[in-house]
């Protein structure tokens, strides 16, 4: 949500599809409600930002096995992200390891 607030001018009028590997979270985002009070605070903030910036946010479920690299990054496990080559496949750590970042422009600056 920080990104939505920071880059609101770029997202103005956009439809944003977020891929989530958690069925409950997907439902909460799409229905804009949650039975969990702390999560409901986040949902309210998301709805508020969406209204303020004219942005539509929807969530789609993605299977966990297809979301492994994103999970590594979200948990700041950069080494595992670099080594991951697909389900059950990892490369040995190397100082010269090249990571394909074509689907995340600018990611090589972070890694």
C-alpha atoms as a PDB file:
ATOM      1  CA  UNK A   1       0.000   0.000   0.000  1.00  0.00           C
ATOM      2  CA  UNK A   2       2.955   2.279   0.484  1.00  0.00           C
ATOM      3  CA  UNK A   3       3.642   1.975  -3.233  1.00  0.00           C
ATOM      4  CA  UNK A   4       0.062   2.885  -4.074  1.00  0.00           C
ATOM      5  CA  UNK A   5       0.338   6.023  -1.985  1.00  0.00           C
ATOM      6  CA  UNK A   6       3.832   6.973  -3.217  1.00  0.00           C
ATOM      7  CA  UNK A   7       3.136   6.396  -6.901  1.00  0.00           C
ATOM      8  CA  UNK A   8      -0.516   7.452  -6.929  1.00  0.00           C
ATOM      9  CA  UNK A   9       0.002   9.832  -9.829  1.00  0.00           C
ATOM     10  CA  UNK A  10       1.208   6.935 -12.010  1.00  0.00           C
ATOM     11  CA  UNK A  11      -1.675   4.665 -10.983  1.00  0.00           C
ATOM     12  CA  UNK A  12      -4.457   7.261 -11.391  1.00  0.00           C
ATOM     13  CA  UNK A  13      -7.459   5.523 -12.975  1.00  0.00           C
ATOM     14  CA  UNK A  14      -5.620   2.187 -13.226  1.00  0.00           C
ATOM     15  CA  UNK A  15      -6.881  -1.316 -12.620  1.00  0.00           C
ATOM     16  CA  UNK A  16      -4.268  -3.185 -10.584  1.00  0.00           C
ATOM     17  CA  UNK A  17      -4.264  -6.972 -10.379  1.00  0.00           C
ATOM     18  CA  UNK A  18      -2.294  -8.347  -7.436  1.00  0.00           C
ATOM     19  CA  UNK A  19      -1.310 -12.030  -7.486  1.00  0.00           C
ATOM     20  CA  UNK A  20      -1.592 -13.575  -4.015  1.00  0.00           C
ATOM     21  CA  UNK A  21      -0.757 -17.126  -2.902  1.00  0.00           C
ATOM     22  CA  UNK A  22      -3.205 -16.965  -0.002  1.00  0.00           C
ATOM     23  CA  UNK A  23      -6.883 -17.646  -0.695  1.00  0.00           C
ATOM     24  CA  UNK A  24      -8.051 -15.752   2.411  1.00  0.00           C
ATOM     25  CA  UNK A  25      -6.052 -12.642   1.523  1.00  0.00           C
ATOM     26  CA  UNK A  26      -7.374 -12.803  -2.052  1.00  0.00           C
ATOM     27  CA  UNK A  27     -10.935 -12.915  -0.744  1.00  0.00           C
ATOM     28  CA  UNK A  28     -10.340 -10.068   1.712  1.00  0.00           C
ATOM     29  CA  UNK A  29      -8.944  -7.794  -1.007  1.00  0.00           C
ATOM     30  CA  UNK A  30     -11.697  -8.599  -3.497  1.00  0.00           C
ATOM     31  CA  UNK A  31     -14.543  -8.340  -0.971  1.00  0.00           C
ATOM     32  CA  UNK A  32     -12.961  -5.406   0.873  1.00  0.00           C
ATOM     33  CA  UNK A  33     -13.667  -6.966   4.238  1.00  0.00           C
ATOM     34  CA  UNK A  34     -12.022  -9.297   6.746  1.00  0.00           C
ATOM     35  CA  UNK A  35     -13.084 -10.945  10.017  1.00  0.00           C
ATOM     36  CA  UNK A  36      -9.617 -10.181  11.427  1.00  0.00           C
ATOM     37  CA  UNK A  37      -9.554  -6.686  13.000  1.00  0.00           C
ATOM     38  CA  UNK A  38      -5.886  -5.986  12.233  1.00  0.00           C
ATOM     39  CA  UNK A  39      -6.365  -7.063   8.619  1.00  0.00           C
ATOM     40  CA  UNK A  40      -9.514  -4.972   8.383  1.00  0.00           C
ATOM     41  CA  UNK A  41      -7.451  -1.885   9.208  1.00  0.00           C
ATOM     42  CA  UNK A  42      -5.247  -2.642   6.188  1.00  0.00           C
ATOM     43  CA  UNK A  43      -8.282  -3.275   3.992  1.00  0.00           C
ATOM     44  CA  UNK A  44      -9.772   0.077   5.064  1.00  0.00           C
ATOM     45  CA  UNK A  45      -6.513   1.810   4.171  1.00  0.00           C
ATOM     46  CA  UNK A  46      -6.464   0.085   0.781  1.00  0.00           C
ATOM     47  CA  UNK A  47     -10.052   1.120   0.088  1.00  0.00           C
ATOM     48  CA  UNK A  48      -9.326   4.682   1.191  1.00  0.00           C
ATOM     49  CA  UNK A  49      -6.267   4.931  -1.097  1.00  0.00           C
ATOM     50  CA  UNK A  50      -8.219   3.360  -3.962  1.00  0.00           C
ATOM     51  CA  UNK A  51     -10.993   5.929  -3.645  1.00  0.00           C
ATOM     52  CA  UNK A  52      -8.633   8.878  -3.175  1.00  0.00           C
ATOM     53  CA  UNK A  53      -6.584   7.993  -6.260  1.00  0.00           C
ATOM     54  CA  UNK A  54      -9.288   6.465  -8.454  1.00  0.00           C
ATOM     55  CA  UNK A  55      -7.596   3.065  -8.560  1.00  0.00           C
ATOM     56  CA  UNK A  56      -9.275  -0.333  -8.720  1.00  0.00           C
ATOM     57  CA  UNK A  57      -7.373  -3.105  -6.926  1.00  0.00           C
ATOM     58  CA  UNK A  58      -8.303  -6.756  -7.386  1.00  0.00           C
ATOM     59  CA  UNK A  59      -6.513  -9.919  -6.311  1.00  0.00           C
ATOM     60  CA  UNK A  60      -6.048 -13.191  -8.155  1.00  0.00           C
ATOM     61  CA  UNK A  61      -4.896 -16.449  -6.611  1.00  0.00           C
ATOM     62  CA  UNK A  62      -1.544 -17.845  -7.704  1.00  0.00           C
ATOM     63  CA  UNK A  63      -0.397 -21.301  -6.654  1.00  0.00           C
ATOM     64  CA  UNK A  64       2.366 -21.312  -4.065  1.00  0.00           C
ATOM     65  CA  UNK A  65       4.663 -23.345  -6.322  1.00  0.00           C
ATOM     66  CA  UNK A  66       4.480 -20.552  -8.914  1.00  0.00           C
ATOM     67  CA  UNK A  67       5.238 -17.854  -6.348  1.00  0.00           C
ATOM     68  CA  UNK A  68       8.452 -19.183  -4.810  1.00  0.00           C
ATOM     69  CA  UNK A  69      10.774 -16.433  -6.041  1.00  0.00           C
ATOM     70  CA  UNK A  70       8.403 -13.676  -4.940  1.00  0.00           C
ATOM     71  CA  UNK A  71       8.198 -15.299  -1.497  1.00  0.00           C
ATOM     72  CA  UNK A  72      11.993 -15.339  -1.252  1.00  0.00           C
ATOM     73  CA  UNK A  73      12.132 -11.623  -2.050  1.00  0.00           C
ATOM     74  CA  UNK A  74       9.285 -10.709   0.296  1.00  0.00           C
ATOM     75  CA  UNK A  75      11.148 -12.489   3.114  1.00  0.00           C
ATOM     76  CA  UNK A  76      14.439 -10.813   2.093  1.00  0.00           C
ATOM     77  CA  UNK A  77      15.990 -14.187   1.223  1.00  0.00           C
ATOM     78  CA  UNK A  78      18.047 -12.795  -1.652  1.00  0.00           C
ATOM     79  CA  UNK A  79      20.530 -15.700  -1.702  1.00  0.00           C
ATOM     80  CA  UNK A  80      17.716 -18.244  -2.153  1.00  0.00           C
ATOM     81  CA  UNK A  81      16.123 -16.007  -4.810  1.00  0.00           C
ATOM     82  CA  UNK A  82      19.384 -15.969  -6.778  1.00  0.00           C
ATOM     83  CA  UNK A  83      19.907 -19.724  -6.432  1.00  0.00           C
ATOM     84  CA  UNK A  84      16.356 -20.825  -7.310  1.00  0.00           C
ATOM     85  CA  UNK A  85      16.039 -22.399 -10.766  1.00  0.00           C
ATOM     86  CA  UNK A  86      12.552 -23.917 -10.547  1.00  0.00           C
ATOM     87  CA  UNK A  87      10.771 -26.463  -8.332  1.00  0.00           C
ATOM     88  CA  UNK A  88      13.452 -28.370  -6.399  1.00  0.00           C
ATOM     89  CA  UNK A  89      16.292 -26.869  -8.473  1.00  0.00           C
ATOM     90  CA  UNK A  90      18.941 -24.585  -7.029  1.00  0.00           C
ATOM     91  CA  UNK A  91      22.328 -23.516  -8.347  1.00  0.00           C
ATOM     92  CA  UNK A  92      25.411 -23.382  -6.180  1.00  0.00           C
ATOM     93  CA  UNK A  93      26.239 -19.966  -4.794  1.00  0.00           C
ATOM     94  CA  UNK A  94      28.549 -17.991  -7.022  1.00  0.00           C
ATOM     95  CA  UNK A  95      29.840 -14.457  -6.838  1.00  0.00           C
ATOM     96  CA  UNK A  96      29.348 -14.171 -10.603  1.00  0.00           C
ATOM     97  CA  UNK A  97      25.794 -15.539 -10.670  1.00  0.00           C
ATOM     98  CA  UNK A  98      23.631 -13.769 -13.241  1.00  0.00           C
ATOM     99  CA  UNK A  99      19.962 -13.511 -12.361  1.00  0.00           C
ATOM    100  CA  UNK A 100      17.335 -12.954 -15.021  1.00  0.00           C
ATOM    101  CA  UNK A 101      15.470  -9.827 -14.014  1.00  0.00           C
ATOM    102  CA  UNK A 102      13.574  -9.244 -17.241  1.00  0.00           C
ATOM    103  CA  UNK A 103      10.211  -9.521 -15.485  1.00  0.00           C
ATOM    104  CA  UNK A 104      11.336  -7.089 -12.744  1.00  0.00           C
ATOM    105  CA  UNK A 105      12.931  -4.068 -14.446  1.00  0.00           C
ATOM    106  CA  UNK A 106      15.466  -2.403 -12.182  1.00  0.00           C
ATOM    107  CA  UNK A 107      15.790  -5.421  -9.878  1.00  0.00           C
ATOM    108  CA  UNK A 108      19.465  -5.871 -10.733  1.00  0.00           C
ATOM    109  CA  UNK A 109      20.086  -2.527  -8.989  1.00  0.00           C
ATOM    110  CA  UNK A 110      18.715  -4.007  -5.751  1.00  0.00           C
ATOM    111  CA  UNK A 111      20.436  -7.376  -6.023  1.00  0.00           C
END
